Structures are given as structure tokens and as C-alpha cells.
Amino acid sequence: MIIDAIGWTLVGLGVVVSLIGSIGLHRFADTYARMHVAGSITTLGTVPVLFGSALVIGGGGAAKLILAGVFLLVTTPAATQKLAAGALESGTGLEPDTHVAELLDAGPGHPITAEDGLPLKE
């Protein structure tokens, strides 16, 4: 009874996170921000649904769901990073109002400009 309640709570949490992330996916204009949200939705939305479902169904099916969740936790961040690196290498532009201080090591809130060497959308 308690296990089922915890399982359904995890499923509900995952659904809410996925819904909020989907709204964020449509609100962001930048390709890289959208990739970040998509990776977060997969990690923080799908994994609780899988683990909650594993608690509810139990047995051999639960082990498969847990393995799928672990696989997503391990592979999604790396895949998202590689997709973003490939997009940057191919010249996919950043929105002009994007602030990416970490890419440039220029300090917090540094606006991206064409002089920084990163592609910008016109």
C-alpha cells in the first residue's frame, strides 16, 4: 500500500516535471537552451516515471524499468552534450541575447557578441 503510494507519487512528479519542461521547450528560442531543456526533461521527468512504475508493478518488469532508468541517467547528459557540441561545430547560431559566460570564461552575465567567435543568428 505504501509502496504503491510512493510509486504513484513518483509517476505524478515525473509527469508534472515533463509538462513544465515541455512548456519551457517551447518558450526558449535558442537551440542550445532547447537541448538543455530536452535533456532535463528526459532525466528529471522520465526517470521518476520509470522508477515509480517499477515500484507499482514489482517483479521482473520492475528490474527492466530500473535498468532503463539507470541507462537514461547515464547516457542522456553525455548525448545532450555531444549534440550541443556538434551543433556549435556546424555553425548553428546563438540568439543575440544569449548569455553564455561559461563557454567563454568571461564572467557572469557576459553577453555573446560576434567578436567572441561564436556564431550568432542575424
C-alpha atoms as a PDB file:
ATOM      1  CA  MET A   1       0.000   0.000   0.000  1.00  0.00           C
ATOM      2  CA  ILE A   2       2.731   2.484   0.975  1.00  0.00           C
ATOM      3  CA  ILE A   3       4.947   1.301  -1.890  1.00  0.00           C
ATOM      4  CA  ASP A   4       2.102   1.892  -4.346  1.00  0.00           C
ATOM      5  CA  ALA A   5       1.552   5.399  -2.978  1.00  0.00           C
ATOM      6  CA  ILE A   6       5.246   6.209  -3.327  1.00  0.00           C
ATOM      7  CA  GLY A   7       5.254   4.749  -6.843  1.00  0.00           C
ATOM      8  CA  TRP A   8       2.247   6.775  -7.984  1.00  0.00           C
ATOM      9  CA  THR A   9       3.733   9.897  -6.387  1.00  0.00           C
ATOM     10  CA  LEU A  10       6.917   9.403  -8.410  1.00  0.00           C
ATOM     11  CA  VAL A  11       4.886   8.874 -11.585  1.00  0.00           C
ATOM     12  CA  GLY A  12       2.904  12.062 -10.899  1.00  0.00           C
ATOM     13  CA  LEU A  13       6.087  14.015 -10.160  1.00  0.00           C
ATOM     14  CA  GLY A  14       7.643  12.838 -13.416  1.00  0.00           C
ATOM     15  CA  VAL A  15       4.542  13.811 -15.388  1.00  0.00           C
ATOM     16  CA  VAL A  16       4.475  17.300 -13.831  1.00  0.00           C
ATOM     17  CA  VAL A  17       8.186  17.831 -14.488  1.00  0.00           C
ATOM     18  CA  SER A  18       7.749  16.675 -18.093  1.00  0.00           C
ATOM     19  CA  LEU A  19       4.787  19.013 -18.598  1.00  0.00           C
ATOM     20  CA  ILE A  20       6.636  22.019 -17.187  1.00  0.00           C
ATOM     21  CA  GLY A  21       9.714  21.111 -19.235  1.00  0.00           C
ATOM     22  CA  SER A  22       7.630  20.849 -22.393  1.00  0.00           C
ATOM     23  CA  ILE A  23       6.319  24.354 -21.829  1.00  0.00           C
ATOM     24  CA  GLY A  24       9.907  25.548 -21.326  1.00  0.00           C
ATOM     25  CA  LEU A  25      10.945  23.770 -24.506  1.00  0.00           C
ATOM     26  CA  HIS A  26       8.555  25.961 -26.479  1.00  0.00           C
ATOM     27  CA  ARG A  27       9.475  29.167 -24.650  1.00  0.00           C
ATOM     28  CA  PHE A  28      13.221  29.067 -25.270  1.00  0.00           C
ATOM     29  CA  ALA A  29      14.295  30.460 -28.632  1.00  0.00           C
ATOM     30  CA  ASP A  30      17.886  29.233 -28.649  1.00  0.00           C
ATOM     31  CA  THR A  31      18.824  25.790 -29.989  1.00  0.00           C
ATOM     32  CA  TYR A  32      21.223  25.151 -27.129  1.00  0.00           C
ATOM     33  CA  ALA A  33      18.739  26.157 -24.433  1.00  0.00           C
ATOM     34  CA  ARG A  34      16.177  23.844 -26.001  1.00  0.00           C
ATOM     35  CA  MET A  35      18.699  20.991 -25.976  1.00  0.00           C
ATOM     36  CA  HIS A  36      19.334  21.656 -22.295  1.00  0.00           C
ATOM     37  CA  VAL A  37      15.622  21.523 -21.508  1.00  0.00           C
ATOM     38  CA  ALA A  38      15.140  18.365 -23.587  1.00  0.00           C
ATOM     39  CA  GLY A  39      17.924  16.623 -21.687  1.00  0.00           C
ATOM     40  CA  SER A  40      16.497  17.783 -18.370  1.00  0.00           C
ATOM     41  CA  ILE A  41      13.024  16.553 -19.285  1.00  0.00           C
ATOM     42  CA  THR A  42      14.431  13.133 -20.098  1.00  0.00           C
ATOM     43  CA  THR A  43      16.469  12.892 -16.937  1.00  0.00           C
ATOM     44  CA  LEU A  44      14.167  14.568 -14.411  1.00  0.00           C
ATOM     45  CA  GLY A  45      10.836  13.635 -15.984  1.00  0.00           C
ATOM     46  CA  THR A  46      11.166  10.162 -17.440  1.00  0.00           C
ATOM     47  CA  VAL A  47      13.313   8.587 -14.730  1.00  0.00           C
ATOM     48  CA  PRO A  48      10.796   9.192 -11.878  1.00  0.00           C
ATOM     49  CA  VAL A  49       8.049   7.755 -14.090  1.00  0.00           C
ATOM     50  CA  LEU A  50      10.143   4.631 -14.718  1.00  0.00           C
ATOM     51  CA  PHE A  51      11.135   4.194 -11.078  1.00  0.00           C
ATOM     52  CA  GLY A  52       7.580   4.847  -9.860  1.00  0.00           C
ATOM     53  CA  SER A  53       6.207   2.359 -12.353  1.00  0.00           C
ATOM     54  CA  ALA A  54       8.779  -0.171 -11.143  1.00  0.00           C
ATOM     55  CA  LEU A  55       7.528   0.268  -7.583  1.00  0.00           C
ATOM     56  CA  VAL A  56       3.906  -0.176  -8.642  1.00  0.00           C
ATOM     57  CA  ILE A  57       4.308  -3.272 -10.844  1.00  0.00           C
ATOM     58  CA  GLY A  58       7.120  -5.048  -8.975  1.00  0.00           C
ATOM     59  CA  GLY A  59       8.638  -8.332 -10.123  1.00  0.00           C
ATOM     60  CA  GLY A  60      10.763  -8.900 -13.221  1.00  0.00           C
ATOM     61  CA  GLY A  61       9.229  -5.972 -15.084  1.00  0.00           C
ATOM     62  CA  ALA A  62      10.422  -3.653 -12.329  1.00  0.00           C
ATOM     63  CA  ALA A  63      14.024  -4.699 -12.880  1.00  0.00           C
ATOM     64  CA  LYS A  64      13.746  -3.821 -16.568  1.00  0.00           C
ATOM     65  CA  LEU A  65      12.258  -0.416 -15.772  1.00  0.00           C
ATOM     66  CA  ILE A  66      15.011   0.318 -13.259  1.00  0.00           C
ATOM     67  CA  LEU A  67      17.676  -0.683 -15.776  1.00  0.00           C
ATOM     68  CA  ALA A  68      16.080   1.583 -18.385  1.00  0.00           C
ATOM     69  CA  GLY A  69      16.089   4.447 -15.857  1.00  0.00           C
ATOM     70  CA  VAL A  70      19.746   3.903 -15.000  1.00  0.00           C
ATOM     71  CA  PHE A  71      20.582   3.774 -18.709  1.00  0.00           C
ATOM     72  CA  LEU A  72      18.837   7.130 -19.236  1.00  0.00           C
ATOM     73  CA  LEU A  73      20.592   8.668 -16.233  1.00  0.00           C
ATOM     74  CA  VAL A  74      23.981   7.633 -17.602  1.00  0.00           C
ATOM     75  CA  THR A  75      23.547   8.327 -21.317  1.00  0.00           C
ATOM     76  CA  THR A  76      21.261  11.370 -21.607  1.00  0.00           C
ATOM     77  CA  PRO A  77      23.685  14.023 -20.250  1.00  0.00           C
ATOM     78  CA  ALA A  78      26.522  12.765 -22.446  1.00  0.00           C
ATOM     79  CA  ALA A  79      24.311  12.556 -25.536  1.00  0.00           C
ATOM     80  CA  THR A  80      22.943  16.065 -24.973  1.00  0.00           C
ATOM     81  CA  GLN A  81      26.457  17.466 -24.578  1.00  0.00           C
ATOM     82  CA  LYS A  82      27.628  15.798 -27.785  1.00  0.00           C
ATOM     83  CA  LEU A  83      24.583  17.075 -29.705  1.00  0.00           C
ATOM     84  CA  ALA A  84      25.258  20.622 -28.469  1.00  0.00           C
ATOM     85  CA  ALA A  85      28.950  20.374 -29.370  1.00  0.00           C
ATOM     86  CA  GLY A  86      28.032  19.137 -32.852  1.00  0.00           C
ATOM     87  CA  ALA A  87      25.534  21.957 -33.315  1.00  0.00           C
ATOM     88  CA  LEU A  88      28.128  24.519 -32.252  1.00  0.00           C
ATOM     89  CA  GLU A  89      30.751  22.999 -34.545  1.00  0.00           C
ATOM     90  CA  SER A  90      28.347  23.020 -37.503  1.00  0.00           C
ATOM     91  CA  GLY A  91      27.713  26.729 -37.010  1.00  0.00           C
ATOM     92  CA  THR A  92      24.225  26.688 -35.514  1.00  0.00           C
ATOM     93  CA  GLY A  93      23.761  30.243 -34.324  1.00  0.00           C
ATOM     94  CA  LEU A  94      23.070  31.527 -30.859  1.00  0.00           C
ATOM     95  CA  GLU A  95      20.344  34.056 -30.202  1.00  0.00           C
ATOM     96  CA  PRO A  96      21.839  37.544 -29.790  1.00  0.00           C
ATOM     97  CA  ASP A  97      20.541  37.873 -26.215  1.00  0.00           C
ATOM     98  CA  THR A  98      22.100  34.580 -25.064  1.00  0.00           C
ATOM     99  CA  HIS A  99      24.415  34.885 -22.063  1.00  0.00           C
ATOM    100  CA  VAL A 100      26.957  32.062 -22.010  1.00  0.00           C
ATOM    101  CA  ALA A 101      29.772  33.108 -19.738  1.00  0.00           C
ATOM    102  CA  GLU A 102      30.839  29.503 -19.135  1.00  0.00           C
ATOM    103  CA  LEU A 103      31.709  28.950 -22.809  1.00  0.00           C
ATOM    104  CA  LEU A 104      33.913  31.998 -22.905  1.00  0.00           C
ATOM    105  CA  ASP A 105      35.212  32.137 -19.336  1.00  0.00           C
ATOM    106  CA  ALA A 106      34.302  35.827 -19.430  1.00  0.00           C
ATOM    107  CA  GLY A 107      32.440  36.168 -16.140  1.00  0.00           C
ATOM    108  CA  PRO A 108      28.768  36.078 -15.204  1.00  0.00           C
ATOM    109  CA  GLY A 109      26.260  37.805 -17.447  1.00  0.00           C
ATOM    110  CA  HIS A 110      28.664  38.377 -20.332  1.00  0.00           C
ATOM    111  CA  PRO A 111      26.560  38.904 -23.489  1.00  0.00           C
ATOM    112  CA  ILE A 112      27.684  36.971 -26.540  1.00  0.00           C
ATOM    113  CA  THR A 113      28.940  39.103 -29.394  1.00  0.00           C
ATOM    114  CA  ALA A 114      30.316  38.295 -32.837  1.00  0.00           C
ATOM    115  CA  GLU A 115      33.800  39.158 -31.548  1.00  0.00           C
ATOM    116  CA  ASP A 116      33.644  36.191 -29.183  1.00  0.00           C
ATOM    117  CA  GLY A 117      33.988  33.791 -32.103  1.00  0.00           C
ATOM    118  CA  LEU A 118      30.654  32.028 -31.604  1.00  0.00           C
ATOM    119  CA  PRO A 119      28.038  32.003 -34.376  1.00  0.00           C
ATOM    120  CA  LEU A 120      25.099  34.357 -33.869  1.00  0.00           C
ATOM    121  CA  LYS A 121      21.761  34.367 -35.612  1.00  0.00           C
ATOM    122  CA  GLU A 122      21.043  37.543 -37.515  1.00  0.00           C
END
